[in-house]
Amino acid sequence: MKARLIRIGNSRGVRIPREMLRLYNLAEGDEIELQERQNGILLHPVSGEAEALSYTEAYREMAEEVAEAAEWTQWDESAGDGLDD
């Protein structure tokens, strides 16, 4: 999953997509720990309350979101504007 840096005052921030927030039970104001790693930055919730879903649950949610996005893509491709050519 990709995210884009955004300006927040003199700093930069990352918007975390809704599905990731839901997946890890994160809400506005929750504390996130950032750890420097050799190959990048690791983000994880500080509190023990934010438990990740099991791999099965996470896969199921992601599959449902992909299926829903595909349905809307098909709708966008097939829906006309109501005007006849």
Protein backbone atom coordinates (compact mmCIF):
# COMPACT_ATOMS: atom_id res chain seq x y z
CA MET A 1 0.00 0.00 0.00
CA LYS A 2 1.35 3.43 -0.89
CA ALA A 3 0.82 6.80 0.78
CA ARG A 4 1.92 10.31 -0.10
CA LEU A 5 3.63 12.80 2.21
CA ILE A 6 1.62 15.93 2.98
CA ARG A 7 2.66 19.26 4.47
CA ILE A 8 1.67 19.88 8.09
CA GLY A 9 3.12 23.26 9.07
CA ASN A 10 6.91 22.97 8.74
CA SER A 11 6.72 19.17 9.02
CA ARG A 12 5.46 16.42 6.75
CA GLY A 13 2.92 13.73 7.54
CA VAL A 14 1.52 10.56 6.04
CA ARG A 15 -2.19 9.93 5.64
CA ILE A 16 -3.04 6.42 6.73
CA PRO A 17 -5.80 4.93 4.57
CA ARG A 18 -9.13 4.13 6.23
CA GLU A 19 -8.79 0.38 5.72
CA MET A 20 -5.44 0.38 7.58
CA LEU A 21 -6.92 2.44 10.41
CA ARG A 22 -9.76 -0.04 10.73
CA LEU A 23 -7.46 -3.04 10.39
CA TYR A 24 -5.32 -1.89 13.32
CA ASN A 25 -8.12 -0.22 15.31
CA LEU A 26 -6.47 3.21 15.16
CA ALA A 27 -8.25 6.50 15.81
CA GLU A 28 -7.34 10.18 15.75
CA GLY A 29 -5.10 11.01 18.69
CA ASP A 30 -3.70 7.49 19.07
CA GLU A 31 0.05 7.40 19.56
CA ILE A 32 2.19 5.75 16.88
CA GLU A 33 5.81 4.74 17.41
CA LEU A 34 8.26 5.24 14.54
CA GLN A 35 11.36 3.05 14.41
CA GLU A 36 14.27 3.52 12.05
CA ARG A 37 15.10 0.33 10.23
CA GLN A 38 17.87 -0.46 7.78
CA ASN A 39 15.41 -0.65 4.89
CA GLY A 40 12.85 1.99 5.97
CA ILE A 41 10.59 3.22 8.75
CA LEU A 42 8.39 0.94 10.86
CA LEU A 43 5.18 2.41 12.29
CA HIS A 44 3.22 0.66 15.00
CA PRO A 45 0.65 1.59 17.67
CA VAL A 46 2.04 2.36 21.12
CA SER A 47 -0.93 1.20 23.17
CA GLY A 48 -1.71 -2.48 23.60
CA GLU A 49 -5.37 -1.75 22.78
CA ALA A 50 -4.80 -1.64 19.03
CA GLU A 51 -4.58 -5.30 18.14
CA ALA A 52 -4.05 -6.36 14.57
CA LEU A 53 -6.53 -8.72 12.99
CA SER A 54 -5.47 -12.30 12.39
CA TYR A 55 -4.06 -13.02 8.94
CA THR A 56 -7.33 -14.70 7.99
CA GLU A 57 -9.44 -11.73 9.08
CA ALA A 58 -7.06 -9.23 7.45
CA TYR A 59 -7.09 -11.18 4.16
CA ARG A 60 -10.88 -11.42 4.24
CA GLU A 61 -11.26 -7.64 4.75
CA MET A 62 -8.76 -6.79 2.02
CA ALA A 63 -10.42 -9.23 -0.40
CA GLU A 64 -13.83 -7.66 0.29
CA GLU A 65 -12.43 -4.16 -0.37
CA VAL A 66 -10.77 -5.28 -3.62
CA ALA A 67 -14.01 -6.91 -4.75
CA GLU A 68 -16.00 -3.78 -3.91
CA ALA A 69 -13.52 -1.57 -5.79
CA ALA A 70 -13.75 -3.88 -8.80
CA GLU A 71 -17.56 -3.66 -8.75
CA TRP A 72 -17.40 0.15 -8.78
CA THR A 73 -14.80 0.10 -11.56
CA GLN A 74 -17.15 -2.01 -13.68
CA TRP A 75 -19.98 0.40 -12.85
CA ASP A 76 -17.89 3.40 -13.90
CA GLU A 77 -17.04 1.71 -17.18
CA SER A 78 -20.63 0.74 -17.97
CA ALA A 79 -22.64 3.65 -16.57
CA GLY A 80 -23.61 6.14 -19.20
CA ASP A 81 -24.21 9.80 -18.76
CA GLY A 82 -27.85 9.51 -19.82
CA LEU A 83 -27.26 11.12 -23.17
CA ASP A 84 -27.83 9.32 -26.44
CA ASP A 85 -25.12 9.56 -29.08
